């Protein structure tokens, strides 16, 4: 009877050299793949020909929640002004963002592994849905960053907090240019206090890093901040202007 415990990769074998070799090959292949991705990134930087707003948030908020309706109104107004919206394809606040951006034309979550949904304004077809599917959070978040000119982080759990902290860190180390990064609602006050008293006050980050996110508590505030940056984008990118429906903001 073989009582030898399993190796770290879950295989029972008297001689695990072949398993180790396989893991080494996989690790080397992954490293080479990411070297290729980084090389392509240098050749093809973020495409900002269109002004896209990424919206992160919890999948657990029900449609009857006031927050759900606030998010619908916020994305409706941003879309009407000409902004493209990028969200996760799930339920909850992601569904609210999708419904608002399409005036209710999209009401069901996108199926598949960790999809993100891009909704684009167009003159003939008011809204066109594109769904990108990802099997890992890493590539999903990377795709959000590549697509977007602004970020709105709604209340959420661990996954939403991960998304918020990644954007914050990319801004901190200037891997992203100065970009609107909004934290929506009182939900984030505890995190901000912890960052200040535990990280900044102990010199693990600079005090100026506290200014990277902007806290907004109403739909009006969020829309105002985003549209100010959108106007600047249009002024500096005439070819990318007027991508939305052309409706006025109400």
Protein backbone atom coordinates (compact mmCIF):
# COMPACT_ATOMS: atom_id res chain seq x y z
CA UNK A 1 0.00 0.00 0.00
CA UNK A 2 1.34 3.40 -0.97
CA UNK A 3 1.12 5.74 2.04
CA UNK A 4 3.23 8.43 0.47
CA UNK A 5 1.46 11.80 0.87
CA UNK A 6 0.45 13.66 -2.26
CA UNK A 7 2.86 16.17 -3.66
CA UNK A 8 1.92 19.89 -3.69
CA UNK A 9 0.32 19.45 -7.12
CA UNK A 10 -2.02 16.70 -5.99
CA UNK A 11 -0.37 13.64 -7.59
CA UNK A 12 0.73 10.45 -5.83
CA UNK A 13 3.90 9.17 -7.39
CA UNK A 14 7.00 7.36 -6.25
CA UNK A 15 9.09 9.63 -8.40
CA UNK A 16 7.57 13.06 -8.85
CA UNK A 17 10.34 14.33 -11.12
CA UNK A 18 8.08 14.17 -14.17
CA UNK A 19 5.40 16.22 -12.39
CA UNK A 20 7.98 18.79 -11.34
CA UNK A 21 9.29 19.00 -14.90
CA UNK A 22 5.75 19.54 -16.18
CA UNK A 23 5.14 22.31 -13.67
CA UNK A 24 8.42 23.95 -14.63
CA UNK A 25 7.44 23.85 -18.31
CA UNK A 26 4.04 25.39 -17.52
CA UNK A 27 5.63 28.13 -15.38
CA UNK A 28 8.13 28.95 -18.14
CA UNK A 29 5.35 29.04 -20.75
CA UNK A 30 3.25 31.40 -18.64
CA UNK A 31 6.26 33.67 -18.08
CA UNK A 32 6.97 33.75 -21.82
CA UNK A 33 3.30 34.48 -22.52
CA UNK A 34 3.31 37.50 -20.23
CA UNK A 35 6.56 38.73 -21.75
CA UNK A 36 4.75 38.66 -25.10
CA UNK A 37 1.75 40.50 -23.64
CA UNK A 38 4.01 43.20 -22.18
CA UNK A 39 5.80 43.58 -25.53
CA UNK A 40 2.46 44.00 -27.31
CA UNK A 41 1.42 46.54 -24.70
CA UNK A 42 4.41 48.68 -25.59
CA UNK A 43 3.58 48.44 -29.28
CA UNK A 44 -0.19 48.96 -28.78
CA UNK A 45 -0.92 51.21 -25.79
CA UNK A 46 -4.38 51.70 -24.28
CA UNK A 47 -6.91 52.60 -26.96
CA UNK A 48 -8.62 55.78 -25.82
CA UNK A 49 -10.26 56.80 -29.08
CA UNK A 50 -13.58 56.47 -27.26
CA UNK A 51 -14.44 57.71 -23.78
CA UNK A 52 -15.38 54.65 -21.76
CA UNK A 53 -16.41 54.54 -18.12
CA UNK A 54 -15.88 51.33 -16.16
CA UNK A 55 -18.47 50.68 -13.45
CA UNK A 56 -17.62 48.20 -10.70
CA UNK A 57 -20.08 47.05 -8.05
CA UNK A 58 -21.73 44.25 -6.12
CA UNK A 59 -23.72 41.52 -7.82
CA UNK A 60 -25.86 41.08 -4.68
CA UNK A 61 -27.89 44.30 -4.71
CA UNK A 62 -31.55 43.58 -5.61
CA UNK A 63 -33.50 45.60 -8.20
CA UNK A 64 -35.80 47.04 -5.52
CA UNK A 65 -32.85 48.73 -3.77
CA UNK A 66 -32.63 52.54 -4.00
CA UNK A 67 -28.96 52.09 -4.90
CA UNK A 68 -29.92 49.93 -7.90
CA UNK A 69 -32.14 52.71 -9.22
CA UNK A 70 -29.49 55.37 -8.54
CA UNK A 71 -26.99 53.42 -10.62
CA UNK A 72 -29.51 53.05 -13.45
CA UNK A 73 -30.07 56.81 -13.46
CA UNK A 74 -26.35 57.57 -13.33
CA UNK A 75 -25.45 55.34 -16.29
CA UNK A 76 -28.49 56.52 -18.25
CA UNK A 77 -27.25 60.10 -17.98
CA UNK A 78 -23.66 59.23 -18.81
CA UNK A 79 -24.73 57.21 -21.83
CA UNK A 80 -27.07 59.95 -23.03
CA UNK A 81 -24.17 62.40 -22.86
CA UNK A 82 -22.09 60.17 -25.16
CA UNK A 83 -20.02 58.03 -22.80
CA UNK A 84 -19.55 54.33 -23.45
CA UNK A 85 -20.12 52.08 -20.43
CA UNK A 86 -18.08 49.02 -19.47
CA UNK A 87 -19.36 46.73 -16.71
CA UNK A 88 -19.10 43.21 -15.48
CA UNK A 89 -21.75 41.03 -17.03
CA UNK A 90 -23.29 39.91 -13.75
CA UNK A 91 -26.39 40.73 -11.73
CA UNK A 92 -26.90 43.38 -9.07
CA UNK A 93 -25.27 46.75 -9.68
CA UNK A 94 -23.68 45.51 -12.90
CA UNK A 95 -27.15 44.75 -14.22
CA UNK A 96 -28.34 48.17 -13.01
CA UNK A 97 -25.53 49.85 -14.96
CA UNK A 98 -26.41 47.84 -18.06
CA UNK A 99 -30.11 48.67 -17.79
CA UNK A 100 -29.43 52.36 -17.31
CA UNK A 101 -26.99 52.60 -20.19
CA UNK A 102 -29.46 50.94 -22.55
CA UNK A 103 -32.70 52.47 -21.27
CA UNK A 104 -33.74 48.98 -20.18
CA UNK A 105 -33.01 47.24 -23.48
CA UNK A 106 -30.53 44.91 -21.76
CA UNK A 107 -31.99 43.41 -18.60
CA UNK A 108 -30.25 40.05 -18.14
CA UNK A 109 -26.69 39.30 -17.02
CA UNK A 110 -24.26 38.03 -19.63
CA UNK A 111 -23.56 34.33 -19.20
CA UNK A 112 -20.13 32.73 -19.18
CA UNK A 113 -16.92 32.89 -17.17
CA UNK A 114 -16.36 36.34 -15.63
CA UNK A 115 -17.64 38.30 -18.64
CA UNK A 116 -17.40 42.03 -19.05
CA UNK A 117 -19.96 43.85 -21.17
CA UNK A 118 -19.19 46.90 -23.28
CA UNK A 119 -22.11 49.08 -24.39
CA UNK A 120 -21.36 51.56 -27.15
CA UNK A 121 -23.36 54.49 -28.39
CA UNK A 122 -24.02 54.50 -32.14
CA UNK A 123 -26.01 56.76 -34.43
CA UNK A 124 -28.03 54.03 -36.17
CA UNK A 125 -28.27 51.39 -33.46
CA UNK A 126 -28.56 53.26 -30.15
CA UNK A 127 -26.78 50.61 -28.16
CA UNK A 128 -24.60 47.70 -29.22
CA UNK A 129 -23.62 45.01 -26.76
CA UNK A 130 -20.19 43.39 -26.78
CA UNK A 131 -19.32 40.69 -24.28
CA UNK A 132 -15.73 39.74 -23.53
CA UNK A 133 -15.27 36.56 -21.54
CA UNK A 134 -12.44 35.90 -19.11
CA UNK A 135 -11.54 32.86 -17.03
CA UNK A 136 -9.41 34.77 -14.52
CA UNK A 137 -9.88 37.98 -12.56
CA UNK A 138 -6.37 39.05 -13.57
CA UNK A 139 -7.07 39.25 -17.30
CA UNK A 140 -10.55 40.65 -16.64
CA UNK A 141 -9.20 43.56 -14.59
CA UNK A 142 -6.44 44.15 -17.13
CA UNK A 143 -9.09 44.41 -19.85
CA UNK A 144 -11.08 46.94 -17.82
CA UNK A 145 -7.97 49.10 -17.47
CA UNK A 146 -7.14 48.96 -21.17
CA UNK A 147 -10.64 49.97 -22.21
CA UNK A 148 -11.41 52.78 -19.81
CA UNK A 149 -10.95 56.52 -19.43
CA UNK A 150 -12.70 56.73 -16.06
CA UNK A 151 -13.70 54.42 -13.20
CA UNK A 152 -16.69 54.41 -10.85
CA UNK A 153 -16.58 51.98 -7.95
CA UNK A 154 -19.96 51.34 -6.35
CA UNK A 155 -20.52 49.58 -3.01
CA UNK A 156 -19.50 45.95 -3.07
CA UNK A 157 -17.64 43.13 -1.40
CA UNK A 158 -14.17 41.65 -1.65
CA UNK A 159 -14.14 41.48 -5.45
CA UNK A 160 -15.23 45.10 -5.83
CA UNK A 161 -12.68 46.18 -3.22
CA UNK A 162 -9.98 44.31 -5.16
CA UNK A 163 -10.96 46.23 -8.29
CA UNK A 164 -10.87 49.54 -6.43
CA UNK A 165 -7.46 48.86 -4.90
CA UNK A 166 -5.97 47.82 -8.23
CA UNK A 167 -7.05 51.06 -9.90
CA UNK A 168 -5.78 53.03 -6.89
CA UNK A 169 -2.40 51.29 -7.03
CA UNK A 170 -2.01 51.80 -10.79
CA UNK A 171 -2.68 55.51 -10.32
CA UNK A 172 -0.25 55.63 -7.38
CA UNK A 173 2.66 54.24 -9.40
CA UNK A 174 1.61 56.22 -12.52
CA UNK A 175 0.94 53.15 -14.64
CA UNK A 176 -2.28 54.99 -15.41
CA UNK A 177 -2.37 58.68 -16.30
CA UNK A 178 -4.48 61.03 -14.21
CA UNK A 179 -7.89 59.42 -14.53
CA UNK A 180 -11.24 59.98 -12.76
CA UNK A 181 -11.48 57.34 -10.03
CA UNK A 182 -14.72 57.69 -8.10
CA UNK A 183 -15.75 55.85 -4.95
CA UNK A 184 -19.53 56.06 -4.74
CA UNK A 185 -21.32 56.34 -1.41
CA UNK A 186 -20.56 56.23 2.31
CA UNK A 187 -19.67 52.56 1.91
CA UNK A 188 -16.00 53.47 1.36
CA UNK A 189 -15.39 55.75 4.35
CA UNK A 190 -14.11 52.93 6.55
CA UNK A 191 -11.60 51.80 3.93
CA UNK A 192 -10.36 55.34 3.39
CA UNK A 193 -9.95 55.86 7.13
CA UNK A 194 -8.01 52.61 7.41
CA UNK A 195 -5.72 53.56 4.51
CA UNK A 196 -5.00 56.91 6.14
CA UNK A 197 -4.46 55.76 9.73
CA UNK A 198 -2.80 52.41 9.08
CA UNK A 199 -0.98 52.81 5.77
CA UNK A 200 -0.26 56.51 5.31
CA UNK A 201 0.35 57.38 8.96
CA UNK A 202 2.87 54.53 9.15
CA UNK A 203 4.67 55.73 6.01
CA UNK A 204 3.65 52.81 3.81
CA UNK A 205 2.22 55.31 1.29
CA UNK A 206 2.43 59.04 0.70
CA UNK A 207 -0.28 61.39 1.95
CA UNK A 208 -0.84 62.61 -1.61
CA UNK A 209 -2.04 59.10 -2.49
CA UNK A 210 -5.17 59.81 -0.46
CA UNK A 211 -6.17 62.33 -3.13
CA UNK A 212 -6.24 59.79 -5.96
CA UNK A 213 -9.83 58.60 -5.36
CA UNK A 214 -12.73 61.06 -5.33
CA UNK A 215 -15.61 60.23 -3.01
CA UNK A 216 -19.07 61.08 -4.37
CA UNK A 217 -22.33 60.42 -2.59
CA UNK A 218 -24.95 61.37 -5.17
CA UNK A 219 -25.70 60.66 -8.81
CA UNK A 220 -25.39 64.37 -9.60
CA UNK A 221 -21.85 64.49 -8.18
CA UNK A 222 -20.73 61.40 -10.07
CA UNK A 223 -22.14 62.58 -13.39
CA UNK A 224 -20.66 66.06 -12.97
CA UNK A 225 -17.14 64.76 -12.32
CA UNK A 226 -17.22 62.30 -15.22
CA UNK A 227 -18.68 64.74 -17.73
CA UNK A 228 -16.11 67.39 -16.87
CA UNK A 229 -13.40 64.94 -17.86
CA UNK A 230 -15.42 63.85 -20.90
CA UNK A 231 -15.53 67.46 -22.13
CA UNK A 232 -11.75 67.66 -21.76
CA UNK A 233 -11.42 64.37 -23.67
CA UNK A 234 -13.60 65.66 -26.51
CA UNK A 235 -11.61 68.88 -26.75
CA UNK A 236 -8.36 66.96 -27.09
CA UNK A 237 -9.65 64.06 -29.19
CA UNK A 238 -11.93 65.45 -31.90
CA UNK A 239 -12.02 62.09 -33.69
CA UNK A 240 -13.34 60.41 -30.57
CA UNK A 241 -15.99 63.00 -29.80
CA UNK A 242 -19.67 62.49 -30.34
CA UNK A 243 -19.58 58.72 -29.95
CA UNK A 244 -22.83 58.54 -28.01
CA UNK A 245 -26.45 59.15 -28.88
CA UNK A 246 -26.10 62.93 -28.82
CA UNK A 247 -28.94 63.40 -26.30
CA UNK A 248 -28.59 66.18 -23.77
CA UNK A 249 -27.96 65.43 -20.11
CA UNK A 250 -31.10 65.76 -18.01
